[in-house]
Amino acid sequence: MSIKQKIVTYYEETIVELKKVTWPTKDEVRGSTFVVIITSIILSAFIFVVDRLLSLAVSSFLG
């Protein structure tokens, strides 16, 4: 099998597999994006607070 035929076969198999995918709706993508953004904000705020508290604790401990 030549390299050209391998590429064509790969492309055809890829198209077949992509037709089997259940793609999310716009509302599902929007909802998931919202959850990711909110989770990122909460996590970054938590890390910021913990970092500040640890910095204060270490600086007060070391003098």
Protein backbone atom coordinates (compact mmCIF):
# COMPACT_ATOMS: atom_id res chain seq x y z
CA MET A 1 0.00 0.00 0.00
CA SER A 2 1.47 3.34 -1.06
CA ILE A 3 1.74 6.36 1.20
CA LYS A 4 -0.91 8.15 -0.87
CA GLN A 5 -3.36 5.28 -0.38
CA LYS A 6 -2.61 5.22 3.36
CA ILE A 7 -3.41 8.93 3.60
CA VAL A 8 -6.65 8.50 1.67
CA THR A 9 -7.66 5.54 3.85
CA TYR A 10 -6.87 7.50 7.02
CA TYR A 11 -8.95 10.45 5.78
CA GLU A 12 -11.91 8.22 4.88
CA GLU A 13 -11.81 6.45 8.25
CA THR A 14 -11.61 9.79 10.03
CA ILE A 15 -14.72 11.03 8.23
CA VAL A 16 -16.61 7.84 9.19
CA GLU A 17 -15.63 8.24 12.86
CA LEU A 18 -16.55 11.94 12.93
CA LYS A 19 -20.05 11.08 11.69
CA LYS A 20 -20.49 8.87 14.79
CA VAL A 21 -19.75 11.75 17.19
CA THR A 22 -22.61 13.28 19.12
CA TRP A 23 -21.77 16.96 19.01
CA PRO A 24 -22.96 19.21 21.87
CA THR A 25 -25.56 21.88 21.24
CA LYS A 26 -24.76 25.58 21.56
CA ASP A 27 -26.61 25.69 24.90
CA GLU A 28 -24.57 22.76 26.24
CA VAL A 29 -21.32 24.43 25.17
CA ARG A 30 -22.43 27.73 26.71
CA GLY A 31 -23.36 26.02 29.97
CA SER A 32 -20.09 24.10 30.14
CA THR A 33 -18.10 27.24 29.38
CA PHE A 34 -19.93 29.10 32.16
CA VAL A 35 -19.14 26.31 34.64
CA VAL A 36 -15.45 26.33 33.66
CA ILE A 37 -15.17 30.12 33.99
CA ILE A 38 -16.91 30.20 37.39
CA THR A 39 -14.84 27.27 38.67
CA SER A 40 -11.64 28.97 37.50
CA ILE A 41 -12.57 32.20 39.26
CA ILE A 42 -13.42 30.40 42.52
CA LEU A 43 -10.26 28.31 42.41
CA SER A 44 -8.03 31.29 41.67
CA ALA A 45 -9.62 33.26 44.54
CA PHE A 46 -9.07 30.31 46.89
CA ILE A 47 -5.42 29.97 45.85
CA PHE A 48 -4.94 33.74 46.26
CA VAL A 49 -6.36 33.69 49.80
CA VAL A 50 -4.32 30.64 50.83
CA ASP A 51 -1.18 32.19 49.35
CA ARG A 52 -1.75 35.43 51.28
CA LEU A 53 -2.39 33.56 54.53
CA LEU A 54 0.69 31.41 54.12
CA SER A 55 2.80 34.45 53.24
CA LEU A 56 1.61 36.23 56.37
CA ALA A 57 2.23 33.16 58.51
CA VAL A 58 5.74 32.63 57.17
CA SER A 59 6.70 36.30 57.39
CA SER A 60 5.41 36.58 60.97
CA PHE A 61 7.16 33.32 61.90
CA LEU A 62 10.48 34.43 60.42
CA GLY A 63 10.22 37.86 61.91
